[in-house]
Amino acid sequence: MLENQAYDCPYCGEPVEAVVDLSAGDQLYYEDCPVCCRPILFDLRSDGQTWSVDVRREDE
């Protein structure tokens, strides 16, 4: 169950898009920004019906 999620990089501010896997439930993982290559912490939350993604800097 893959979904596209648009977000703004918390470092460079560029709008980018990530593909998130909703089949594994709640997740915390790092993915590098495709523009500035800095590590972004993805906090994926799902209750089975709705989901949300929060992106943060590594140092927050």
N, C-alpha and C. Protein backbone atom coordinates (compact mmCIF):
# COMPACT_ATOMS: atom_id res chain seq x y z
N MET A 1 0.84 -1.17 0.00
CA MET A 1 0.00 0.00 0.00
C MET A 1 0.89 1.24 0.00
N LEU A 2 1.27 1.69 -1.17
CA LEU A 2 2.15 2.85 -1.31
C LEU A 2 1.35 4.09 -1.68
N GLU A 3 1.72 5.20 -1.06
CA GLU A 3 1.06 6.48 -1.32
C GLU A 3 2.12 7.55 -1.54
N ASN A 4 1.82 8.52 -2.38
CA ASN A 4 2.69 9.67 -2.57
C ASN A 4 2.33 10.75 -1.55
N GLN A 5 3.36 11.37 -0.98
CA GLN A 5 3.14 12.42 0.02
C GLN A 5 4.05 13.60 -0.31
N ALA A 6 3.44 14.74 -0.59
CA ALA A 6 4.21 15.96 -0.84
C ALA A 6 4.58 16.60 0.50
N TYR A 7 5.77 17.18 0.55
CA TYR A 7 6.23 17.88 1.76
C TYR A 7 7.29 18.89 1.36
N ASP A 8 7.60 19.81 2.26
CA ASP A 8 8.68 20.76 2.06
C ASP A 8 9.85 20.32 2.92
N CYS A 9 11.03 20.28 2.35
CA CYS A 9 12.21 19.87 3.09
C CYS A 9 12.41 20.83 4.26
N PRO A 10 12.60 20.30 5.48
CA PRO A 10 12.79 21.17 6.64
C PRO A 10 14.15 21.88 6.66
N TYR A 11 15.06 21.53 5.76
CA TYR A 11 16.36 22.19 5.66
C TYR A 11 16.36 23.27 4.57
N CYS A 12 16.11 22.83 3.33
CA CYS A 12 16.24 23.76 2.19
C CYS A 12 14.91 24.38 1.78
N GLY A 13 13.79 23.83 2.27
CA GLY A 13 12.49 24.40 1.96
C GLY A 13 11.92 24.03 0.61
N GLU A 14 12.63 23.23 -0.15
CA GLU A 14 12.14 22.84 -1.48
C GLU A 14 10.96 21.88 -1.37
N PRO A 15 9.95 22.05 -2.23
CA PRO A 15 8.84 21.10 -2.25
C PRO A 15 9.28 19.81 -2.95
N VAL A 16 9.09 18.68 -2.29
CA VAL A 16 9.46 17.38 -2.84
C VAL A 16 8.36 16.37 -2.52
N GLU A 17 8.50 15.18 -3.03
CA GLU A 17 7.49 14.15 -2.82
C GLU A 17 8.16 12.85 -2.40
N ALA A 18 7.55 12.16 -1.45
CA ALA A 18 8.05 10.87 -0.99
C ALA A 18 6.97 9.82 -1.23
N VAL A 19 7.41 8.60 -1.39
CA VAL A 19 6.49 7.46 -1.47
C VAL A 19 6.53 6.78 -0.10
N VAL A 20 5.38 6.71 0.57
CA VAL A 20 5.31 6.11 1.90
C VAL A 20 4.57 4.78 1.82
N ASP A 21 5.03 3.83 2.63
CA ASP A 21 4.44 2.49 2.69
C ASP A 21 3.51 2.42 3.90
N LEU A 22 2.22 2.39 3.66
CA LEU A 22 1.23 2.39 4.73
C LEU A 22 0.94 1.00 5.29
N SER A 23 1.48 -0.03 4.67
CA SER A 23 1.16 -1.39 5.09
C SER A 23 1.83 -1.79 6.40
N ALA A 24 2.85 -1.06 6.85
CA ALA A 24 3.59 -1.45 8.05
C ALA A 24 3.13 -0.70 9.30
N GLY A 25 2.08 0.10 9.21
CA GLY A 25 1.60 0.84 10.38
C GLY A 25 2.49 2.03 10.70
N ASP A 26 2.51 2.42 11.97
CA ASP A 26 3.30 3.57 12.41
C ASP A 26 4.79 3.30 12.19
N GLN A 27 5.50 4.33 11.72
CA GLN A 27 6.91 4.17 11.42
C GLN A 27 7.68 5.45 11.70
N LEU A 28 8.92 5.32 12.09
CA LEU A 28 9.89 6.40 12.17
C LEU A 28 11.08 5.98 11.32
N TYR A 29 11.46 6.79 10.36
CA TYR A 29 12.61 6.44 9.53
C TYR A 29 13.22 7.69 8.92
N TYR A 30 14.47 7.57 8.49
CA TYR A 30 15.18 8.66 7.85
C TYR A 30 15.24 8.44 6.35
N GLU A 31 15.14 9.56 5.63
CA GLU A 31 15.29 9.54 4.19
C GLU A 31 15.99 10.85 3.82
N ASP A 32 16.95 10.79 2.93
CA ASP A 32 17.67 12.00 2.53
C ASP A 32 16.84 12.84 1.58
N CYS A 33 16.95 14.15 1.72
CA CYS A 33 16.28 15.07 0.80
C CYS A 33 16.89 14.89 -0.59
N PRO A 34 16.06 14.75 -1.63
CA PRO A 34 16.61 14.57 -2.98
C PRO A 34 17.24 15.85 -3.54
N VAL A 35 17.04 16.99 -2.87
CA VAL A 35 17.60 18.25 -3.34
C VAL A 35 18.91 18.57 -2.61
N CYS A 36 18.87 18.64 -1.27
CA CYS A 36 20.05 19.05 -0.51
C CYS A 36 20.78 17.88 0.16
N CYS A 37 20.24 16.68 0.07
CA CYS A 37 20.86 15.44 0.58
C CYS A 37 21.00 15.38 2.09
N ARG A 38 20.28 16.18 2.83
CA ARG A 38 20.35 16.12 4.29
C ARG A 38 19.31 15.14 4.82
N PRO A 39 19.57 14.50 5.98
CA PRO A 39 18.66 13.48 6.51
C PRO A 39 17.41 14.07 7.13
N ILE A 40 16.26 13.57 6.71
CA ILE A 40 14.96 14.02 7.19
C ILE A 40 14.32 12.87 7.97
N LEU A 41 13.81 13.17 9.16
CA LEU A 41 13.10 12.18 9.96
C LEU A 41 11.63 12.18 9.55
N PHE A 42 11.16 11.04 9.08
CA PHE A 42 9.76 10.87 8.72
C PHE A 42 9.05 10.18 9.88
N ASP A 43 7.94 10.75 10.31
CA ASP A 43 7.11 10.17 11.37
C ASP A 43 5.76 9.86 10.73
N LEU A 44 5.54 8.61 10.39
CA LEU A 44 4.33 8.17 9.70
C LEU A 44 3.39 7.55 10.72
N ARG A 45 2.16 8.08 10.78
CA ARG A 45 1.14 7.58 11.71
C ARG A 45 -0.09 7.16 10.91
N SER A 46 -0.64 6.00 11.27
CA SER A 46 -1.82 5.49 10.59
C SER A 46 -2.72 4.79 11.61
N ASP A 47 -4.03 5.02 11.47
CA ASP A 47 -4.97 4.31 12.35
C ASP A 47 -5.78 3.28 11.55
N GLY A 48 -5.32 2.97 10.35
CA GLY A 48 -6.02 2.01 9.51
C GLY A 48 -6.94 2.67 8.50
N GLN A 49 -7.44 3.85 8.82
CA GLN A 49 -8.35 4.56 7.91
C GLN A 49 -7.74 5.86 7.40
N THR A 50 -7.05 6.57 8.28
CA THR A 50 -6.39 7.82 7.89
C THR A 50 -4.91 7.72 8.25
N TRP A 51 -4.10 8.56 7.61
CA TRP A 51 -2.68 8.56 7.90
C TRP A 51 -2.15 9.98 7.81
N SER A 52 -1.03 10.20 8.47
CA SER A 52 -0.37 11.51 8.42
C SER A 52 1.13 11.31 8.43
N VAL A 53 1.84 12.25 7.83
CA VAL A 53 3.29 12.22 7.80
C VAL A 53 3.80 13.55 8.32
N ASP A 54 4.70 13.47 9.29
CA ASP A 54 5.36 14.66 9.82
C ASP A 54 6.84 14.53 9.48
N VAL A 55 7.43 15.58 8.91
CA VAL A 55 8.86 15.56 8.60
C VAL A 55 9.58 16.57 9.47
N ARG A 56 10.74 16.14 9.99
CA ARG A 56 11.52 17.00 10.87
C ARG A 56 13.00 16.91 10.53
N ARG A 57 13.73 17.94 10.95
CA ARG A 57 15.17 17.92 10.82
C ARG A 57 15.75 16.86 11.76
N GLU A 58 16.90 16.38 11.43
CA GLU A 58 17.56 15.38 12.27
C GLU A 58 17.90 15.94 13.64
N ASP A 59 18.17 17.24 13.75
CA ASP A 59 18.60 17.85 15.01
C ASP A 59 17.46 18.45 15.83
N GLU A 60 16.22 18.19 15.47
CA GLU A 60 15.08 18.71 16.24
C GLU A 60 14.70 17.77 17.36
